């Protein structure tokens, strides 16, 4: 009898529970959007940042350094596996120097595997090998806008030299700034400058005095003395009144260097807002000008470089996070806009941040003569690093010179 009573009670409770289930607002099979955050699809844990296209030309090495396209403290904790029927997979990179027989497009897929040999992230791109004959002897004007990485003039010079070596395009580097005092190496690259400065900082006699104190070369006072971006007037002064065929913009480090995880979004918003102002300035004069956004390059590979450059003011990991975030935003905002004459130049791929940043031999400590090699510049590559940047830029120039 007691057993029957217990069963009856249990059945009554189940009947009462059914209506409450039927009245719930939750969908029977929740979509990913309706799931709680804890149940959402897992995001890429290493935040891969491959560009839509990897440009290459015969005779020039093109590489993808795995630490540069992922965000992880130690990339050695993962396996990076490239699926492409060209190039060679090495410990720290995939690398490839094509020849003329390999012109064309190739699938490029990068998988990241964990210690259990499970794929935890994957992205695809296209490897595009451009013929060296493209743009042969084609007159092409190029304006390079940037910060200290451009001011240094090493990669602009290398791009110009490559154009001569590969017989085109026949480059004319235009600009008001010539810090290296070389007739063929002109640009608008200034140490410490930001997108905001190029778009808004006006000063009378802008091109006089120390470059850190100058005004934007694109700002002029109108008839009422009000500063205005006047790209046609700039081009009249420096390119015989013609719009440049190509413009590269290489900014970011000074815009976000000191940002934190809490401020990086706002700082990047400000940067992008002023990059868009520069794009509008250029395209209002000539919408056919091709604009290449050079993706910001990663910093030196060790904290040693930041300790030398800044003491305790910034860590390598924080700046790497900042740089990576900017690259992600630029890929999202400017990727796939070739029809609007806006391109991404994947300069972040092809830079050896271990061996091609400045370093100096120093004692391990004050009580030993045994020395080690320590990097000593956080964000400025050595000359061989600038050459890698120039290789990436020139490969893009070949592609858009078709």
Protein backbone atom coordinates (compact mmCIF):
# COMPACT_ATOMS: atom_id res chain seq x y z
CA UNK A 1 0.00 0.00 0.00
CA UNK A 2 2.82 2.38 0.86
CA UNK A 3 4.48 1.56 -2.46
CA UNK A 4 1.29 2.40 -4.38
CA UNK A 5 0.96 5.71 -2.54
CA UNK A 6 4.51 6.73 -3.41
CA UNK A 7 4.01 5.92 -7.12
CA UNK A 8 0.75 7.93 -7.22
CA UNK A 9 2.43 10.94 -5.63
CA UNK A 10 5.36 10.79 -8.07
CA UNK A 11 3.00 10.58 -11.06
CA UNK A 12 1.11 13.65 -9.83
CA UNK A 13 4.29 15.65 -9.55
CA UNK A 14 5.34 14.74 -13.10
CA UNK A 15 1.93 15.80 -14.48
CA UNK A 16 2.19 19.14 -12.71
CA UNK A 17 5.68 19.69 -14.11
CA UNK A 18 4.75 19.19 -17.77
CA UNK A 19 2.73 22.43 -18.24
CA UNK A 20 5.54 24.49 -16.77
CA UNK A 21 7.87 23.05 -19.38
CA UNK A 22 5.43 23.85 -22.17
CA UNK A 23 5.14 27.50 -21.08
CA UNK A 24 8.84 28.29 -21.09
CA UNK A 25 10.14 31.03 -23.45
CA UNK A 26 13.34 29.12 -24.23
CA UNK A 27 13.46 27.50 -27.73
CA UNK A 28 13.57 23.74 -27.77
CA UNK A 29 16.83 23.77 -29.78
CA UNK A 30 18.53 27.11 -29.04
CA UNK A 31 20.45 28.73 -31.87
CA UNK A 32 24.07 29.80 -31.24
CA UNK A 33 22.81 33.39 -30.80
CA UNK A 34 20.33 32.36 -28.07
CA UNK A 35 22.74 30.20 -26.08
CA UNK A 36 24.26 31.57 -22.91
CA UNK A 37 27.75 32.98 -23.37
CA UNK A 38 29.27 29.98 -21.63
CA UNK A 39 27.75 27.71 -24.29
CA UNK A 40 28.71 29.82 -27.34
CA UNK A 41 30.94 28.39 -30.01
CA UNK A 42 34.58 28.55 -28.87
CA UNK A 43 36.65 31.28 -30.49
CA UNK A 44 40.02 30.75 -32.15
CA UNK A 45 42.31 30.60 -29.07
CA UNK A 46 45.37 31.87 -30.97
CA UNK A 47 43.53 34.55 -33.03
CA UNK A 48 45.07 33.83 -36.43
CA UNK A 49 45.42 36.85 -38.74
CA UNK A 50 46.09 35.65 -42.27
CA UNK A 51 45.44 38.17 -45.05
CA UNK A 52 43.15 37.31 -47.98
CA UNK A 53 46.16 37.22 -50.35
CA UNK A 54 49.86 36.51 -49.81
CA UNK A 55 51.80 38.18 -52.63
CA UNK A 56 55.00 36.69 -54.04
CA UNK A 57 57.20 37.24 -57.07
CA UNK A 58 59.92 35.01 -58.55
CA UNK A 59 63.34 35.57 -57.06
CA UNK A 60 62.19 37.10 -53.75
CA UNK A 61 61.71 35.09 -50.57
CA UNK A 62 58.22 35.21 -49.06
CA UNK A 63 57.62 33.85 -45.56
CA UNK A 64 54.86 33.46 -43.00
CA UNK A 65 56.33 33.60 -39.50
CA UNK A 66 53.95 31.77 -37.22
CA UNK A 67 54.42 34.00 -34.17
CA UNK A 68 53.49 36.98 -36.36
CA UNK A 69 50.09 35.59 -37.36
CA UNK A 70 49.01 34.30 -33.96
CA UNK A 71 48.60 35.69 -30.46
CA UNK A 72 50.23 33.40 -27.95
CA UNK A 73 52.94 33.89 -25.36
CA UNK A 74 54.87 30.88 -26.61
CA UNK A 75 54.14 29.63 -30.14
CA UNK A 76 56.38 26.62 -29.45
CA UNK A 77 53.49 25.19 -27.43
CA UNK A 78 51.61 24.59 -30.69
CA UNK A 79 52.13 22.87 -34.01
CA UNK A 80 51.71 25.10 -37.07
CA UNK A 81 50.89 23.05 -40.15
CA UNK A 82 50.70 24.69 -43.59
CA UNK A 83 48.82 23.01 -46.42
CA UNK A 84 50.06 24.47 -49.70
CA UNK A 85 51.70 22.70 -52.62
CA UNK A 86 54.42 25.34 -52.71
CA UNK A 87 57.11 26.32 -50.23
CA UNK A 88 58.72 24.64 -47.23
CA UNK A 89 57.42 24.17 -43.70
CA UNK A 90 60.06 24.99 -41.08
CA UNK A 91 60.05 25.23 -37.31
CA UNK A 92 59.19 28.93 -37.04
CA UNK A 93 57.85 29.68 -40.53
CA UNK A 94 56.63 28.60 -43.94
CA UNK A 95 58.93 30.01 -46.63
CA UNK A 96 58.96 30.10 -50.40
CA UNK A 97 61.02 31.63 -53.20
CA UNK A 98 59.11 31.02 -56.43
CA UNK A 99 60.46 30.84 -59.96
CA UNK A 100 58.92 31.94 -63.23
CA UNK A 101 57.42 28.50 -63.88
CA UNK A 102 55.19 28.83 -60.81
CA UNK A 103 53.09 31.86 -61.74
CA UNK A 104 49.52 31.60 -60.51
CA UNK A 105 47.28 31.25 -57.44
CA UNK A 106 47.59 28.48 -54.87
CA UNK A 107 45.47 27.46 -51.90
CA UNK A 108 47.10 28.25 -48.58
CA UNK A 109 45.73 26.82 -45.35
CA UNK A 110 47.24 27.14 -41.89
CA UNK A 111 46.16 24.73 -39.15
CA UNK A 112 47.20 25.09 -35.51
CA UNK A 113 47.28 21.90 -33.45
CA UNK A 114 47.57 21.38 -29.70
CA UNK A 115 49.52 18.76 -27.77
CA UNK A 116 46.74 16.25 -28.41
CA UNK A 117 47.21 16.72 -32.15
CA UNK A 118 43.79 18.33 -32.40
CA UNK A 119 43.17 21.30 -34.70
CA UNK A 120 42.29 24.28 -32.50
CA UNK A 121 42.45 26.98 -35.19
CA UNK A 122 42.49 27.15 -38.97
CA UNK A 123 42.49 29.88 -41.62
CA UNK A 124 42.78 29.96 -45.38
CA UNK A 125 44.41 32.44 -47.74
CA UNK A 126 45.59 32.58 -51.35
CA UNK A 127 49.23 32.52 -52.38
CA UNK A 128 49.55 34.64 -55.52
CA UNK A 129 52.77 34.43 -57.54
CA UNK A 130 52.96 37.48 -59.81
CA UNK A 131 55.09 37.44 -62.99
CA UNK A 132 58.21 39.61 -62.78
CA UNK A 133 57.35 41.02 -66.22
CA UNK A 134 54.28 42.76 -64.79
CA UNK A 135 54.61 46.54 -64.90
CA UNK A 136 57.84 46.46 -66.88
CA UNK A 137 59.00 50.06 -67.50
CA UNK A 138 55.52 51.34 -66.53
CA UNK A 139 55.78 54.87 -65.06
CA UNK A 140 54.25 54.71 -61.57
CA UNK A 141 54.20 57.36 -58.87
CA UNK A 142 54.19 56.15 -55.27
CA UNK A 143 53.48 58.12 -52.11
CA UNK A 144 54.51 56.45 -48.84
CA UNK A 145 52.88 57.74 -45.64
CA UNK A 146 54.19 56.50 -42.32
CA UNK A 147 56.00 56.97 -39.02
CA UNK A 148 59.60 56.24 -38.00
CA UNK A 149 59.63 52.93 -39.88
CA UNK A 150 59.20 54.94 -43.07
CA UNK A 151 61.30 57.89 -41.88
CA UNK A 152 64.25 55.49 -41.63
CA UNK A 153 64.05 55.29 -45.46
CA UNK A 154 65.52 51.77 -45.68
CA UNK A 155 62.43 49.99 -46.99
CA UNK A 156 61.49 52.87 -49.37
CA UNK A 157 65.01 52.73 -50.81
CA UNK A 158 64.80 48.93 -51.11
CA UNK A 159 61.47 49.16 -52.94
CA UNK A 160 62.96 51.63 -55.39
CA UNK A 161 66.03 49.43 -55.94
CA UNK A 162 63.84 46.37 -56.52
CA UNK A 163 61.86 48.26 -59.15
CA UNK A 164 65.12 48.87 -61.01
CA UNK A 165 66.36 45.32 -60.55
CA UNK A 166 63.12 43.80 -61.84
CA UNK A 167 62.69 46.38 -64.64
CA UNK A 168 59.55 47.92 -63.34
CA UNK A 169 57.34 49.42 -62.62
CA UNK A 170 59.40 52.55 -63.15
CA UNK A 171 58.84 54.10 -59.75
CA UNK A 172 58.81 57.74 -58.84
CA UNK A 173 58.73 58.12 -55.06
CA UNK A 174 56.99 61.39 -54.26
CA UNK A 175 56.97 63.40 -51.04
CA UNK A 176 58.17 66.51 -49.26
CA UNK A 177 60.43 64.59 -46.87
CA UNK A 178 63.90 63.39 -47.80
CA UNK A 179 65.75 62.56 -44.57
CA UNK A 180 68.31 60.31 -46.28
CA UNK A 181 69.23 63.06 -48.79
CA UNK A 182 68.82 60.62 -51.69
CA UNK A 183 67.28 62.03 -54.84
CA UNK A 184 65.06 59.00 -55.47
CA UNK A 185 63.94 58.31 -51.90
CA UNK A 186 61.20 60.75 -50.93
CA UNK A 187 58.15 60.06 -48.78
CA UNK A 188 55.99 61.34 -45.93
CA UNK A 189 57.37 59.30 -43.05
CA UNK A 190 58.02 60.98 -39.69
CA UNK A 191 59.18 59.45 -36.42
CA UNK A 192 56.54 59.52 -33.70
CA UNK A 193 53.64 60.49 -35.98
CA UNK A 194 50.10 59.10 -35.86
CA UNK A 195 47.08 58.98 -38.13
CA UNK A 196 45.59 61.82 -36.09
CA UNK A 197 48.61 64.03 -36.76
CA UNK A 198 48.53 63.47 -40.51
CA UNK A 199 44.81 64.26 -40.64
CA UNK A 200 44.54 67.18 -38.22
CA UNK A 201 47.82 68.80 -37.11
CA UNK A 202 48.22 72.16 -38.84
CA UNK A 203 51.21 74.46 -38.61
CA UNK A 204 52.29 77.42 -40.67
CA UNK A 205 55.47 76.69 -42.61
CA UNK A 206 54.72 73.02 -41.99
CA UNK A 207 57.85 71.71 -43.72
CA UNK A 208 60.37 73.76 -41.75
CA UNK A 209 62.21 72.82 -38.58
CA UNK A 210 62.55 69.50 -36.83
CA UNK A 211 60.24 66.90 -38.33
CA UNK A 212 58.71 66.15 -34.90
CA UNK A 213 57.42 69.71 -34.73
CA UNK A 214 56.10 70.05 -38.29
CA UNK A 215 52.51 70.14 -39.39
CA UNK A 216 50.81 67.66 -41.68
CA UNK A 217 52.10 68.05 -45.25
CA UNK A 218 48.52 67.70 -46.50
CA UNK A 219 47.02 70.61 -44.52
CA UNK A 220 46.95 74.12 -45.98
CA UNK A 221 45.31 77.35 -44.85
CA UNK A 222 42.39 78.36 -47.08
CA UNK A 223 41.54 81.96 -48.08
CA UNK A 224 40.10 82.52 -44.59
CA UNK A 225 43.15 81.10 -42.87
CA UNK A 226 41.29 77.92 -41.86
CA UNK A 227 43.29 74.66 -42.15
CA UNK A 228 42.00 72.29 -44.81
CA UNK A 229 43.21 69.00 -46.20
CA UNK A 230 44.12 69.91 -49.78
CA UNK A 231 45.49 66.90 -51.61
CA UNK A 232 45.26 68.49 -55.09
CA UNK A 233 47.50 71.32 -53.89
CA UNK A 234 49.92 68.82 -52.35
CA UNK A 235 50.08 66.90 -55.64
CA UNK A 236 50.60 70.14 -57.55
CA UNK A 237 53.69 70.76 -55.44
CA UNK A 238 55.14 67.28 -55.49
CA UNK A 239 53.76 65.34 -58.45
CA UNK A 240 53.21 67.86 -61.25
CA UNK A 241 49.56 68.18 -60.31
CA UNK A 242 48.84 64.49 -60.81
CA UNK A 243 47.36 62.15 -58.24
CA UNK A 244 49.77 59.37 -57.26
CA UNK A 245 49.16 56.00 -58.86
CA UNK A 246 49.83 54.25 -55.56
CA UNK A 247 49.74 55.26 -51.88
CA UNK A 248 50.94 53.12 -48.98
CA UNK A 249 49.96 53.92 -45.40
CA UNK A 250 52.11 52.39 -42.66
CA UNK A 251 50.86 53.64 -39.28
CA UNK A 252 49.85 52.17 -35.94
CA UNK A 253 52.75 51.86 -33.45
CA UNK A 254 52.49 55.40 -32.12
CA UNK A 255 48.68 55.31 -32.18
CA UNK A 256 48.45 52.35 -29.80
CA UNK A 257 51.90 51.75 -28.28
CA UNK A 258 50.93 52.61 -24.70
CA UNK A 259 47.39 51.22 -24.87
CA UNK A 260 46.10 48.64 -22.44
CA UNK A 261 43.45 45.95 -22.88
CA UNK A 262 40.98 48.48 -21.47
CA UNK A 263 41.90 51.31 -23.89
CA UNK A 264 42.97 49.51 -27.08
CA UNK A 265 39.50 49.57 -28.68
CA UNK A 266 39.06 53.31 -28.18
CA UNK A 267 42.60 54.08 -29.35
CA UNK A 268 42.12 51.95 -32.47
CA UNK A 269 38.75 53.60 -33.16
CA UNK A 270 40.51 56.98 -33.15
CA UNK A 271 43.23 55.70 -35.45
CA UNK A 272 40.78 54.16 -37.94
CA UNK A 273 38.63 57.30 -37.98
CA UNK A 274 41.61 59.35 -39.13
CA UNK A 275 42.84 56.71 -41.57
CA UNK A 276 39.42 56.95 -43.21
CA UNK A 277 39.84 60.73 -43.41
CA UNK A 278 43.13 60.23 -45.28
CA UNK A 279 41.53 57.71 -47.64
CA UNK A 280 38.72 60.13 -48.42
CA UNK A 281 41.25 62.92 -49.00
CA UNK A 282 43.11 60.79 -51.56
CA UNK A 283 40.08 59.35 -53.33
CA UNK A 284 38.23 62.65 -53.50
CA UNK A 285 41.03 63.80 -55.81
CA UNK A 286 41.28 60.57 -57.78
CA UNK A 287 39.23 57.46 -56.90
CA UNK A 288 41.52 55.35 -59.09
CA UNK A 289 44.54 55.79 -56.82
CA UNK A 290 45.33 52.42 -55.27
CA UNK A 291 45.79 52.61 -51.50
CA UNK A 292 47.73 49.87 -49.73
CA UNK A 293 47.34 49.59 -45.97
CA UNK A 294 50.55 48.04 -44.69
CA UNK A 295 49.55 45.86 -41.74
CA UNK A 296 51.51 46.83 -38.59
CA UNK A 297 54.50 44.59 -37.98
CA UNK A 298 55.03 42.69 -34.72
CA UNK A 299 57.64 43.88 -32.22
CA UNK A 300 61.01 42.39 -31.39
CA UNK A 301 60.75 38.86 -30.06
CA UNK A 302 61.91 39.45 -26.48
CA UNK A 303 61.20 41.60 -23.46
CA UNK A 304 64.90 42.56 -23.50
CA UNK A 305 64.17 44.94 -26.39
CA UNK A 306 61.37 46.65 -24.47
CA UNK A 307 63.48 46.87 -21.33
CA UNK A 308 66.14 48.73 -23.31
CA UNK A 309 63.68 50.99 -25.11
CA UNK A 310 61.27 51.76 -22.27
CA UNK A 311 62.62 50.44 -18.98
CA UNK A 312 59.42 49.36 -17.21
CA UNK A 313 56.88 51.40 -19.19
CA UNK A 314 55.65 48.64 -21.50
CA UNK A 315 55.83 44.87 -21.82
CA UNK A 316 56.40 43.02 -25.05
CA UNK A 317 53.25 40.97 -24.48
CA UNK A 318 51.02 44.01 -24.02
CA UNK A 319 52.32 45.72 -27.15
CA UNK A 320 52.05 42.46 -29.11
CA UNK A 321 48.40 42.30 -28.02
CA UNK A 322 47.91 45.92 -29.14
CA UNK A 323 49.57 45.38 -32.52
CA UNK A 324 47.63 42.16 -33.09
CA UNK A 325 44.32 43.87 -32.28
CA UNK A 326 45.04 46.65 -34.78
CA UNK A 327 45.87 44.08 -37.48
CA UNK A 328 42.62 42.23 -36.76
CA UNK A 329 40.61 45.44 -37.08
CA UNK A 330 42.31 46.45 -40.31
CA UNK A 331 41.74 43.03 -41.82
CA UNK A 332 38.06 43.29 -40.92
CA UNK A 333 37.58 46.88 -42.07
CA UNK A 334 39.74 47.01 -45.21
CA UNK A 335 39.86 43.43 -46.42
CA UNK A 336 37.99 42.62 -49.62
CA UNK A 337 37.82 46.23 -50.82
CA UNK A 338 39.93 45.92 -53.93
CA UNK A 339 37.00 47.15 -56.04
CA UNK A 340 37.26 50.40 -54.05
CA UNK A 341 41.01 50.55 -54.77
CA UNK A 342 41.84 49.66 -51.14
CA UNK A 343 44.28 46.83 -50.48
CA UNK A 344 45.98 45.11 -47.58
CA UNK A 345 49.75 44.74 -47.78
CA UNK A 346 50.64 41.81 -45.49
CA UNK A 347 53.88 43.29 -44.13
CA UNK A 348 53.26 41.57 -40.79
CA UNK A 349 53.87 38.11 -42.29
CA UNK A 350 57.38 38.39 -43.63
CA UNK A 351 59.47 39.80 -40.76
CA UNK A 352 61.86 37.71 -38.69
CA UNK A 353 61.34 39.24 -35.25
CA UNK A 354 64.00 36.99 -33.68
CA UNK A 355 66.96 37.60 -35.99
CA UNK A 356 66.13 40.84 -37.82
CA UNK A 357 65.78 43.24 -34.91
CA UNK A 358 68.81 45.04 -33.45
CA UNK A 359 70.74 43.16 -30.77
CA UNK A 360 73.91 43.64 -28.79
CA UNK A 361 76.31 41.29 -27.04
CA UNK A 362 76.39 42.03 -23.30
CA UNK A 363 77.45 40.14 -20.13
CA UNK A 364 74.77 38.03 -18.53
CA UNK A 365 75.31 39.97 -15.32
CA UNK A 366 77.84 42.22 -13.61
CA UNK A 367 79.79 39.29 -12.11
CA UNK A 368 80.58 37.39 -15.29
CA UNK A 369 82.39 38.01 -18.54
CA UNK A 370 80.24 35.44 -20.30
CA UNK A 371 78.08 37.25 -22.85
CA UNK A 372 74.70 36.81 -24.44
CA UNK A 373 72.95 38.48 -27.35
CA UNK A 374 70.09 40.72 -26.20
CA UNK A 375 67.68 42.59 -28.47
CA UNK A 376 67.77 46.32 -27.80
CA UNK A 377 65.03 47.94 -29.90
CA UNK A 378 61.35 47.16 -29.36
CA UNK A 379 59.66 48.25 -32.59
CA UNK A 380 62.35 49.29 -35.08
CA UNK A 381 63.84 46.41 -37.07
CA UNK A 382 67.46 46.13 -38.08
CA UNK A 383 68.31 46.90 -41.71
CA UNK A 384 67.70 43.29 -42.76
CA UNK A 385 64.22 43.48 -41.21
CA UNK A 386 63.42 46.61 -43.20
CA UNK A 387 64.49 44.73 -46.33
CA UNK A 388 61.91 42.04 -45.58
CA UNK A 389 59.26 44.75 -45.24
CA UNK A 390 60.34 46.19 -48.59
CA UNK A 391 60.09 42.76 -50.21
CA UNK A 392 56.44 42.53 -49.10
CA UNK A 393 55.63 46.02 -50.38
CA UNK A 394 57.26 45.44 -53.75
CA UNK A 395 55.43 42.13 -54.24
CA UNK A 396 52.16 44.01 -53.71
CA UNK A 397 53.26 46.76 -56.12
CA UNK A 398 53.88 44.15 -58.81
CA UNK A 399 50.39 42.74 -58.33
CA UNK A 400 48.61 46.11 -58.61
CA UNK A 401 50.72 47.11 -61.62
CA UNK A 402 49.01 44.61 -63.90
